[in-house]
């Protein structure tokens, strides 16, 4: 009888110690995953910053290229057309800008930027709470 009681007492601390060890290992695994995610997010943040910088430099280079090509067209056509080439280039850029503005206005009018599903769910939540 005494022997069975000792075994059950030994089994209980073993079970609790095993469960505690399992919980400790699970928590350590969770913490390592969180640390890995934090490191990867830091790398992604740095890569996005680099991408934005490269994109901005690309846009600046594009503007310089556009200016140089425009100047070249004006210089080459100046003898034949004179000041009229400036009028043509200005009109072309104005039409391009007008087209872009009309496209932006259409995007705003069609509510492509409004997140309708999210707004509907937020209204439902507001109505449920009130």
C-alpha atoms as a PDB file:
ATOM      1  CA  UNK A   1       0.000   0.000   0.000  1.00  0.00           C
ATOM      2  CA  UNK A   2       2.780   2.312   0.951  1.00  0.00           C
ATOM      3  CA  UNK A   3       4.498   1.533  -2.304  1.00  0.00           C
ATOM      4  CA  UNK A   4       1.477   2.564  -4.435  1.00  0.00           C
ATOM      5  CA  UNK A   5       1.086   5.800  -2.528  1.00  0.00           C
ATOM      6  CA  UNK A   6       4.721   6.715  -3.167  1.00  0.00           C
ATOM      7  CA  UNK A   7       4.337   6.048  -6.878  1.00  0.00           C
ATOM      8  CA  UNK A   8       1.263   8.281  -7.157  1.00  0.00           C
ATOM      9  CA  UNK A   9       3.061  11.026  -5.264  1.00  0.00           C
ATOM     10  CA  UNK A  10       6.040  10.664  -7.604  1.00  0.00           C
ATOM     11  CA  UNK A  11       3.784  10.740 -10.668  1.00  0.00           C
ATOM     12  CA  UNK A  12       2.048  13.967  -9.671  1.00  0.00           C
ATOM     13  CA  UNK A  13       5.199  16.102  -9.439  1.00  0.00           C
ATOM     14  CA  UNK A  14       6.465  14.532 -12.645  1.00  0.00           C
ATOM     15  CA  UNK A  15       3.268  15.434 -14.465  1.00  0.00           C
ATOM     16  CA  UNK A  16       3.252  18.996 -13.129  1.00  0.00           C
ATOM     17  CA  UNK A  17       6.956  19.413 -13.872  1.00  0.00           C
ATOM     18  CA  UNK A  18       6.431  18.026 -17.374  1.00  0.00           C
ATOM     19  CA  UNK A  19       3.485  20.332 -17.996  1.00  0.00           C
ATOM     20  CA  UNK A  20       5.475  23.304 -16.657  1.00  0.00           C
ATOM     21  CA  UNK A  21       8.381  22.386 -18.917  1.00  0.00           C
ATOM     22  CA  UNK A  22       6.018  22.090 -21.878  1.00  0.00           C
ATOM     23  CA  UNK A  23       4.485  25.490 -21.108  1.00  0.00           C
ATOM     24  CA  UNK A  24       7.961  26.998 -20.716  1.00  0.00           C
ATOM     25  CA  UNK A  25       9.073  25.549 -24.065  1.00  0.00           C
ATOM     26  CA  UNK A  26       5.880  26.766 -25.733  1.00  0.00           C
ATOM     27  CA  UNK A  27       6.402  30.272 -24.370  1.00  0.00           C
ATOM     28  CA  UNK A  28      10.047  30.257 -25.514  1.00  0.00           C
ATOM     29  CA  UNK A  29       8.924  29.142 -28.977  1.00  0.00           C
ATOM     30  CA  UNK A  30       6.326  31.919 -29.078  1.00  0.00           C
ATOM     31  CA  UNK A  31       8.894  34.510 -28.017  1.00  0.00           C
ATOM     32  CA  UNK A  32      11.373  33.352 -30.673  1.00  0.00           C
ATOM     33  CA  UNK A  33       8.631  33.658 -33.301  1.00  0.00           C
ATOM     34  CA  UNK A  34       7.803  37.193 -32.116  1.00  0.00           C
ATOM     35  CA  UNK A  35      11.482  38.155 -32.235  1.00  0.00           C
ATOM     36  CA  UNK A  36      11.802  36.713 -35.747  1.00  0.00           C
ATOM     37  CA  UNK A  37       8.728  38.619 -36.884  1.00  0.00           C
ATOM     38  CA  UNK A  38      10.124  41.833 -35.377  1.00  0.00           C
ATOM     39  CA  UNK A  39      13.426  41.348 -37.209  1.00  0.00           C
ATOM     40  CA  UNK A  40      11.675  40.646 -40.492  1.00  0.00           C
ATOM     41  CA  UNK A  41       9.413  43.678 -40.068  1.00  0.00           C
ATOM     42  CA  UNK A  42      12.503  45.812 -39.480  1.00  0.00           C
ATOM     43  CA  UNK A  43      14.063  44.490 -42.682  1.00  0.00           C
ATOM     44  CA  UNK A  44      10.840  45.084 -44.609  1.00  0.00           C
ATOM     45  CA  UNK A  45      10.672  48.639 -43.260  1.00  0.00           C
ATOM     46  CA  UNK A  46      14.235  49.291 -44.415  1.00  0.00           C
ATOM     47  CA  UNK A  47      13.520  47.800 -47.841  1.00  0.00           C
ATOM     48  CA  UNK A  48      10.387  49.924 -48.231  1.00  0.00           C
ATOM     49  CA  UNK A  49      12.369  53.035 -47.296  1.00  0.00           C
ATOM     50  CA  UNK A  50      14.991  52.142 -49.919  1.00  0.00           C
ATOM     51  CA  UNK A  51      12.269  51.488 -52.477  1.00  0.00           C
ATOM     52  CA  UNK A  52      10.662  54.876 -51.806  1.00  0.00           C
ATOM     53  CA  UNK A  53      14.042  56.608 -52.110  1.00  0.00           C
ATOM     54  CA  UNK A  54      14.837  54.848 -55.383  1.00  0.00           C
ATOM     55  CA  UNK A  55      11.337  55.658 -56.664  1.00  0.00           C
ATOM     56  CA  UNK A  56      11.742  59.329 -55.774  1.00  0.00           C
ATOM     57  CA  UNK A  57      15.125  59.451 -57.508  1.00  0.00           C
ATOM     58  CA  UNK A  58      13.573  57.764 -60.538  1.00  0.00           C
ATOM     59  CA  UNK A  59      10.834  60.379 -60.698  1.00  0.00           C
ATOM     60  CA  UNK A  60      13.390  63.192 -60.471  1.00  0.00           C
ATOM     61  CA  UNK A  61      15.430  61.569 -63.256  1.00  0.00           C
ATOM     62  CA  UNK A  62      12.255  61.217 -65.332  1.00  0.00           C
ATOM     63  CA  UNK A  63      11.482  64.920 -64.909  1.00  0.00           C
ATOM     64  CA  UNK A  64      15.020  65.851 -65.977  1.00  0.00           C
ATOM     65  CA  UNK A  65      14.748  63.556 -69.002  1.00  0.00           C
ATOM     66  CA  UNK A  66      11.401  65.097 -69.930  1.00  0.00           C
ATOM     67  CA  UNK A  67      12.896  68.575 -69.638  1.00  0.00           C
ATOM     68  CA  UNK A  68      15.911  67.654 -71.756  1.00  0.00           C
ATOM     69  CA  UNK A  69      13.798  66.032 -74.474  1.00  0.00           C
ATOM     70  CA  UNK A  70      11.524  69.065 -74.511  1.00  0.00           C
ATOM     71  CA  UNK A  71      14.507  71.402 -74.815  1.00  0.00           C
ATOM     72  CA  UNK A  72      15.899  69.280 -77.644  1.00  0.00           C
ATOM     73  CA  UNK A  73      12.607  69.383 -79.546  1.00  0.00           C
ATOM     74  CA  UNK A  74      12.420  73.149 -79.096  1.00  0.00           C
ATOM     75  CA  UNK A  75      16.010  73.693 -80.251  1.00  0.00           C
ATOM     76  CA  UNK A  76      15.581  71.453 -83.298  1.00  0.00           C
ATOM     77  CA  UNK A  77      12.266  73.003 -84.341  1.00  0.00           C
ATOM     78  CA  UNK A  78      13.114  76.642 -83.521  1.00  0.00           C
ATOM     79  CA  UNK A  79      14.504  77.502 -86.975  1.00  0.00           C
ATOM     80  CA  UNK A  80      11.442  76.136 -88.760  1.00  0.00           C
ATOM     81  CA  UNK A  81       8.689  77.191 -86.337  1.00  0.00           C
ATOM     82  CA  UNK A  82      10.088  79.901 -84.078  1.00  0.00           C
ATOM     83  CA  UNK A  83       8.042  80.742 -81.002  1.00  0.00           C
ATOM     84  CA  UNK A  84       5.175  78.491 -82.188  1.00  0.00           C
ATOM     85  CA  UNK A  85       7.013  75.379 -80.990  1.00  0.00           C
ATOM     86  CA  UNK A  86       6.813  76.745 -77.436  1.00  0.00           C
ATOM     87  CA  UNK A  87       3.072  77.136 -77.876  1.00  0.00           C
ATOM     88  CA  UNK A  88       2.737  73.557 -79.148  1.00  0.00           C
ATOM     89  CA  UNK A  89       4.807  72.080 -76.287  1.00  0.00           C
ATOM     90  CA  UNK A  90       2.907  74.138 -73.693  1.00  0.00           C
ATOM     91  CA  UNK A  91      -0.428  73.057 -75.187  1.00  0.00           C
ATOM     92  CA  UNK A  92       0.642  69.405 -75.178  1.00  0.00           C
ATOM     93  CA  UNK A  93       1.692  69.549 -71.510  1.00  0.00           C
ATOM     94  CA  UNK A  94      -1.506  71.427 -70.616  1.00  0.00           C
ATOM     95  CA  UNK A  95      -3.655  68.775 -72.310  1.00  0.00           C
ATOM     96  CA  UNK A  96      -1.736  66.038 -70.516  1.00  0.00           C
ATOM     97  CA  UNK A  97      -2.242  67.772 -67.160  1.00  0.00           C
ATOM     98  CA  UNK A  98      -5.944  68.291 -67.882  1.00  0.00           C
ATOM     99  CA  UNK A  99      -6.339  64.614 -68.779  1.00  0.00           C
ATOM    100  CA  UNK A 100      -4.642  63.541 -65.543  1.00  0.00           C
ATOM    101  CA  UNK A 101      -6.819  65.892 -63.470  1.00  0.00           C
ATOM    102  CA  UNK A 102     -10.004  64.610 -65.122  1.00  0.00           C
ATOM    103  CA  UNK A 103      -8.923  61.024 -64.463  1.00  0.00           C
ATOM    104  CA  UNK A 104      -8.249  61.862 -60.788  1.00  0.00           C
ATOM    105  CA  UNK A 105     -11.647  63.539 -60.526  1.00  0.00           C
ATOM    106  CA  UNK A 106     -13.294  60.446 -62.017  1.00  0.00           C
ATOM    107  CA  UNK A 107     -11.505  58.258 -59.470  1.00  0.00           C
ATOM    108  CA  UNK A 108     -12.760  60.428 -56.617  1.00  0.00           C
ATOM    109  CA  UNK A 109     -16.287  60.533 -58.032  1.00  0.00           C
ATOM    110  CA  UNK A 110     -16.556  56.765 -58.402  1.00  0.00           C
ATOM    111  CA  UNK A 111     -15.535  56.249 -54.748  1.00  0.00           C
ATOM    112  CA  UNK A 112     -12.644  53.942 -55.573  1.00  0.00           C
ATOM    113  CA  UNK A 113     -10.798  55.231 -52.530  1.00  0.00           C
ATOM    114  CA  UNK A 114     -13.610  54.977 -49.988  1.00  0.00           C
ATOM    115  CA  UNK A 115     -13.470  51.366 -48.630  1.00  0.00           C
ATOM    116  CA  UNK A 116     -17.258  50.761 -48.845  1.00  0.00           C
ATOM    117  CA  UNK A 117     -17.272  47.326 -47.186  1.00  0.00           C
ATOM    118  CA  UNK A 118     -15.325  48.587 -44.174  1.00  0.00           C
ATOM    119  CA  UNK A 119     -17.558  51.637 -43.828  1.00  0.00           C
ATOM    120  CA  UNK A 120     -20.676  49.445 -44.003  1.00  0.00           C
ATOM    121  CA  UNK A 121     -19.361  47.171 -41.248  1.00  0.00           C
ATOM    122  CA  UNK A 122     -18.430  50.180 -39.095  1.00  0.00           C
ATOM    123  CA  UNK A 123     -21.947  51.580 -39.521  1.00  0.00           C
ATOM    124  CA  UNK A 124     -23.396  48.201 -38.485  1.00  0.00           C
ATOM    125  CA  UNK A 125     -21.163  48.173 -35.403  1.00  0.00           C
ATOM    126  CA  UNK A 126     -22.201  51.725 -34.524  1.00  0.00           C
ATOM    127  CA  UNK A 127     -25.884  50.869 -34.923  1.00  0.00           C
ATOM    128  CA  UNK A 128     -25.508  47.718 -32.820  1.00  0.00           C
ATOM    129  CA  UNK A 129     -23.831  49.644 -30.011  1.00  0.00           C
ATOM    130  CA  UNK A 130     -26.351  52.478 -30.024  1.00  0.00           C
END
